[in-house]
Amino acid sequence: MEYLQELVYRAMSKNPELDEEYARGFAEHQIKQPIDLTRFDFTNLDLFAAEIGATPDEIDAFVMVTKALWNHGSCSRTAKESRAMTAQMMQSKG
């Protein structure tokens, strides 16, 4: 599992409405790059924010900026570039 997928899995595992198998499957199959965080509902997005030590508003802003860049065509990033972008965001929080 990639780092972003692991964070998503850990966050979703804390949702009492989801079982571990669903959380793992979602993380492994639906999350490949930061733009994929837009697939979250609000509950899971808040859990993800808590998992990385961010506020829900900070994650909302990150997702909105990522989505805007993606829609603009500026996010034709490789998986490696996406991981680097996510790691940079995580380091800036720590």
C-alpha atoms as a PDB file:
ATOM      1  CA  MET A   1       0.000   0.000   0.000  1.00  0.00           C
ATOM      2  CA  GLU A   2       1.295   3.476  -0.879  1.00  0.00           C
ATOM      3  CA  TYR A   3       1.616   6.121   1.857  1.00  0.00           C
ATOM      4  CA  LEU A   4      -1.537   8.043   0.869  1.00  0.00           C
ATOM      5  CA  GLN A   5      -3.486   4.784   0.667  1.00  0.00           C
ATOM      6  CA  GLU A   6      -2.241   3.784   4.118  1.00  0.00           C
ATOM      7  CA  LEU A   7      -3.404   7.104   5.589  1.00  0.00           C
ATOM      8  CA  VAL A   8      -6.815   6.696   3.957  1.00  0.00           C
ATOM      9  CA  TYR A   9      -7.106   3.132   5.214  1.00  0.00           C
ATOM     10  CA  ARG A  10      -6.211   4.109   8.789  1.00  0.00           C
ATOM     11  CA  ALA A  11      -8.696   6.981   8.728  1.00  0.00           C
ATOM     12  CA  MET A  12     -11.539   4.918   7.267  1.00  0.00           C
ATOM     13  CA  SER A  13     -10.867   2.124   9.753  1.00  0.00           C
ATOM     14  CA  LYS A  14     -11.949   4.540  12.480  1.00  0.00           C
ATOM     15  CA  ASN A  15     -15.390   4.963  10.896  1.00  0.00           C
ATOM     16  CA  PRO A  16     -17.729   2.698  12.890  1.00  0.00           C
ATOM     17  CA  GLU A  17     -20.065   2.409   9.885  1.00  0.00           C
ATOM     18  CA  LEU A  18     -17.399   0.715   7.742  1.00  0.00           C
ATOM     19  CA  ASP A  19     -15.736  -2.650   8.092  1.00  0.00           C
ATOM     20  CA  GLU A  20     -11.994  -3.180   7.685  1.00  0.00           C
ATOM     21  CA  GLU A  21     -12.327  -4.983   4.350  1.00  0.00           C
ATOM     22  CA  TYR A  22     -14.245  -2.076   2.808  1.00  0.00           C
ATOM     23  CA  ALA A  23     -11.739   0.463   4.168  1.00  0.00           C
ATOM     24  CA  ARG A  24      -8.790  -1.491   2.752  1.00  0.00           C
ATOM     25  CA  GLY A  25     -10.479  -2.038  -0.606  1.00  0.00           C
ATOM     26  CA  PHE A  26     -11.429   1.624  -0.946  1.00  0.00           C
ATOM     27  CA  ALA A  27      -7.916   2.757  -0.082  1.00  0.00           C
ATOM     28  CA  GLU A  28      -6.217   0.302  -2.429  1.00  0.00           C
ATOM     29  CA  HIS A  29      -8.557   0.653  -5.406  1.00  0.00           C
ATOM     30  CA  GLN A  30      -9.961   4.177  -5.215  1.00  0.00           C
ATOM     31  CA  ILE A  31      -7.010   6.217  -3.924  1.00  0.00           C
ATOM     32  CA  LYS A  32      -4.104   6.520  -6.325  1.00  0.00           C
ATOM     33  CA  GLN A  33      -3.272  10.247  -6.126  1.00  0.00           C
ATOM     34  CA  PRO A  34      -4.294  13.325  -4.094  1.00  0.00           C
ATOM     35  CA  ILE A  35      -7.197  14.220  -6.428  1.00  0.00           C
ATOM     36  CA  ASP A  36      -8.820  10.938  -5.387  1.00  0.00           C
ATOM     37  CA  LEU A  37      -9.524  12.403  -1.952  1.00  0.00           C
ATOM     38  CA  THR A  38     -12.498  14.089  -3.641  1.00  0.00           C
ATOM     39  CA  ARG A  39     -14.165  10.645  -3.568  1.00  0.00           C
ATOM     40  CA  PHE A  40     -14.564  10.907   0.205  1.00  0.00           C
ATOM     41  CA  ASP A  41     -17.768  11.845   1.930  1.00  0.00           C
ATOM     42  CA  PHE A  42     -17.550  14.446   4.711  1.00  0.00           C
ATOM     43  CA  THR A  43     -17.301  11.911   7.549  1.00  0.00           C
ATOM     44  CA  ASN A  44     -14.330  10.113   6.019  1.00  0.00           C
ATOM     45  CA  LEU A  45     -12.688  13.373   4.966  1.00  0.00           C
ATOM     46  CA  ASP A  46     -12.877  14.581   8.578  1.00  0.00           C
ATOM     47  CA  LEU A  47     -11.375  11.286   9.763  1.00  0.00           C
ATOM     48  CA  PHE A  48      -8.581  11.691   7.213  1.00  0.00           C
ATOM     49  CA  ALA A  49      -7.926  15.220   8.473  1.00  0.00           C
ATOM     50  CA  ALA A  50      -7.651  13.917  12.035  1.00  0.00           C
ATOM     51  CA  GLU A  51      -5.330  11.113  10.902  1.00  0.00           C
ATOM     52  CA  ILE A  52      -2.790  13.571   9.484  1.00  0.00           C
ATOM     53  CA  GLY A  53      -3.244  16.224  12.162  1.00  0.00           C
ATOM     54  CA  ALA A  54      -5.003  18.759   9.964  1.00  0.00           C
ATOM     55  CA  THR A  55      -8.261  20.564  10.467  1.00  0.00           C
ATOM     56  CA  PRO A  56     -11.226  19.696   8.255  1.00  0.00           C
ATOM     57  CA  ASP A  57     -10.982  23.210   6.778  1.00  0.00           C
ATOM     58  CA  GLU A  58      -7.335  22.649   5.834  1.00  0.00           C
ATOM     59  CA  ILE A  59      -8.204  19.390   4.093  1.00  0.00           C
ATOM     60  CA  ASP A  60     -11.156  21.025   2.333  1.00  0.00           C
ATOM     61  CA  ALA A  61      -8.830  23.750   1.053  1.00  0.00           C
ATOM     62  CA  PHE A  62      -6.241  21.178  -0.071  1.00  0.00           C
ATOM     63  CA  VAL A  63      -8.888  19.151  -1.909  1.00  0.00           C
ATOM     64  CA  MET A  64     -10.369  22.273  -3.554  1.00  0.00           C
ATOM     65  CA  VAL A  65      -6.961  23.474  -4.756  1.00  0.00           C
ATOM     66  CA  THR A  66      -6.021  20.000  -5.992  1.00  0.00           C
ATOM     67  CA  LYS A  67      -9.344  19.670  -7.805  1.00  0.00           C
ATOM     68  CA  ALA A  68      -9.034  23.128  -9.362  1.00  0.00           C
ATOM     69  CA  LEU A  69      -5.528  22.375 -10.609  1.00  0.00           C
ATOM     70  CA  TRP A  70      -6.634  18.998 -11.912  1.00  0.00           C
ATOM     71  CA  ASN A  71      -9.599  20.504 -13.747  1.00  0.00           C
ATOM     72  CA  HIS A  72      -7.362  23.217 -15.165  1.00  0.00           C
ATOM     73  CA  GLY A  73      -5.064  20.566 -16.603  1.00  0.00           C
ATOM     74  CA  SER A  74      -2.110  21.509 -14.450  1.00  0.00           C
ATOM     75  CA  CYS A  75      -2.147  18.239 -12.521  1.00  0.00           C
ATOM     76  CA  SER A  76      -1.018  15.846 -15.167  1.00  0.00           C
ATOM     77  CA  ARG A  77       1.368  14.483 -12.572  1.00  0.00           C
ATOM     78  CA  THR A  78       2.895  11.079 -12.376  1.00  0.00           C
ATOM     79  CA  ALA A  79       2.169   8.928  -9.346  1.00  0.00           C
ATOM     80  CA  LYS A  80       5.659   9.776  -8.055  1.00  0.00           C
ATOM     81  CA  GLU A  81       4.978  13.517  -8.345  1.00  0.00           C
ATOM     82  CA  SER A  82       1.613  13.074  -6.602  1.00  0.00           C
ATOM     83  CA  ARG A  83       3.265  11.200  -3.733  1.00  0.00           C
ATOM     84  CA  ALA A  84       5.881  13.937  -3.430  1.00  0.00           C
ATOM     85  CA  MET A  85       3.154  16.594  -3.337  1.00  0.00           C
ATOM     86  CA  THR A  86       1.296  14.680  -0.617  1.00  0.00           C
ATOM     87  CA  ALA A  87       4.479  14.128   1.394  1.00  0.00           C
ATOM     88  CA  GLN A  88       5.287  17.836   1.166  1.00  0.00           C
ATOM     89  CA  MET A  89       1.823  18.700   2.485  1.00  0.00           C
ATOM     90  CA  MET A  90       2.263  16.237   5.360  1.00  0.00           C
ATOM     91  CA  GLN A  91       5.700  17.633   6.281  1.00  0.00           C
ATOM     92  CA  SER A  92       4.402  21.181   6.316  1.00  0.00           C
ATOM     93  CA  LYS A  93       1.841  20.081   8.913  1.00  0.00           C
ATOM     94  CA  GLY A  94       4.448  18.423  11.137  1.00  0.00           C
END
